[in-house]
Amino acid sequence: MSLQTDLIEKVKQLPEDKQLLVKSLVDELARKVEPTAQGAPAAWFGSLEQLGITISEEDIADARREMWGNFPQEVDL
């Protein structure tokens, strides 16, 4: 028995309200999946876009300066 056939049989056994819930879940999952042209999953770039976080180049430069601030600039040999 294929996965699709098994799922259909199980959904048929559910009451109508549960079937509607399953349908809405499947619809939501179908909207979220957008395969790329090659069929591979989309890159993770932008995966946090829904959080509304924006990071400017200046923010990155500040973080680098802070991170490397105590690193010794000259090495005595």
Protein backbone atom coordinates (compact mmCIF):
# COMPACT_ATOMS: atom_id res chain seq x y z
CA MET A 1 0.00 0.00 0.00
CA SER A 2 1.40 3.39 -0.95
CA LEU A 3 1.68 6.28 1.45
CA GLN A 4 -0.98 8.26 -0.44
CA THR A 5 -3.44 5.37 -0.32
CA ASP A 6 -2.81 4.82 3.38
CA LEU A 7 -3.35 8.52 4.12
CA ILE A 8 -6.56 8.63 2.10
CA GLU A 9 -7.96 5.61 3.92
CA LYS A 10 -7.13 7.09 7.33
CA VAL A 11 -8.64 10.47 6.42
CA LYS A 12 -11.82 8.77 5.19
CA GLN A 13 -12.25 7.18 8.63
CA LEU A 14 -12.11 10.56 10.40
CA PRO A 15 -15.24 12.60 11.20
CA GLU A 16 -15.96 15.49 8.84
CA ASP A 17 -14.66 18.19 11.20
CA LYS A 18 -11.33 16.34 11.52
CA GLN A 19 -11.19 15.92 7.73
CA LEU A 20 -11.57 19.68 7.33
CA LEU A 21 -8.75 20.20 9.83
CA VAL A 22 -6.51 17.84 7.85
CA LYS A 23 -7.41 19.67 4.62
CA SER A 24 -6.52 23.06 6.11
CA LEU A 25 -3.20 21.67 7.36
CA VAL A 26 -2.38 20.23 3.95
CA ASP A 27 -3.32 23.53 2.28
CA GLU A 28 -1.05 25.44 4.67
CA LEU A 29 1.84 23.06 4.08
CA ALA A 30 1.36 23.31 0.31
CA ARG A 31 1.59 27.12 0.50
CA LYS A 32 4.82 27.01 2.50
CA VAL A 33 6.62 24.62 0.14
CA GLU A 34 8.03 26.41 -2.88
CA PRO A 35 10.61 24.23 -4.62
CA THR A 36 13.34 25.92 -6.62
CA ALA A 37 13.82 25.34 -10.33
CA GLN A 38 16.09 22.34 -9.66
CA GLY A 39 13.63 20.84 -7.18
CA ALA A 40 16.03 21.32 -4.28
CA PRO A 41 14.91 23.08 -1.10
CA ALA A 42 15.27 26.84 -1.09
CA ALA A 43 18.40 28.32 0.41
CA TRP A 44 18.29 29.28 4.07
CA PHE A 45 18.96 32.93 3.22
CA GLY A 46 15.93 34.86 4.36
CA SER A 47 14.69 32.06 6.60
CA LEU A 48 14.33 34.54 9.48
CA GLU A 49 12.61 37.16 7.33
CA GLN A 50 9.29 36.69 9.13
CA LEU A 51 10.91 37.97 12.35
CA GLY A 52 11.31 41.43 10.85
CA ILE A 53 14.97 41.74 11.81
CA THR A 54 17.03 44.11 9.70
CA ILE A 55 20.80 44.23 10.03
CA SER A 56 22.71 47.01 8.31
CA GLU A 57 26.31 46.98 7.17
CA GLU A 58 27.09 49.40 9.99
CA ASP A 59 25.63 46.93 12.54
CA ILE A 60 27.91 44.22 11.18
CA ALA A 61 30.94 46.56 11.24
CA ASP A 62 30.18 47.52 14.86
CA ALA A 63 29.88 43.87 15.87
CA ARG A 64 33.23 43.08 14.21
CA ARG A 65 34.95 45.98 15.95
CA GLU A 66 33.51 44.90 19.29
CA MET A 67 34.43 41.25 18.74
CA TRP A 68 38.02 41.99 17.69
CA GLY A 69 38.52 44.93 20.08
CA ASN A 70 40.69 43.07 22.62
CA PHE A 71 42.57 40.98 20.07
CA PRO A 72 46.29 41.85 20.08
CA GLN A 73 47.20 43.87 16.99
CA GLU A 74 50.94 43.25 17.14
CA VAL A 75 52.69 40.01 17.87
CA ASP A 76 56.10 40.21 19.62
CA LEU A 77 58.41 37.42 18.54
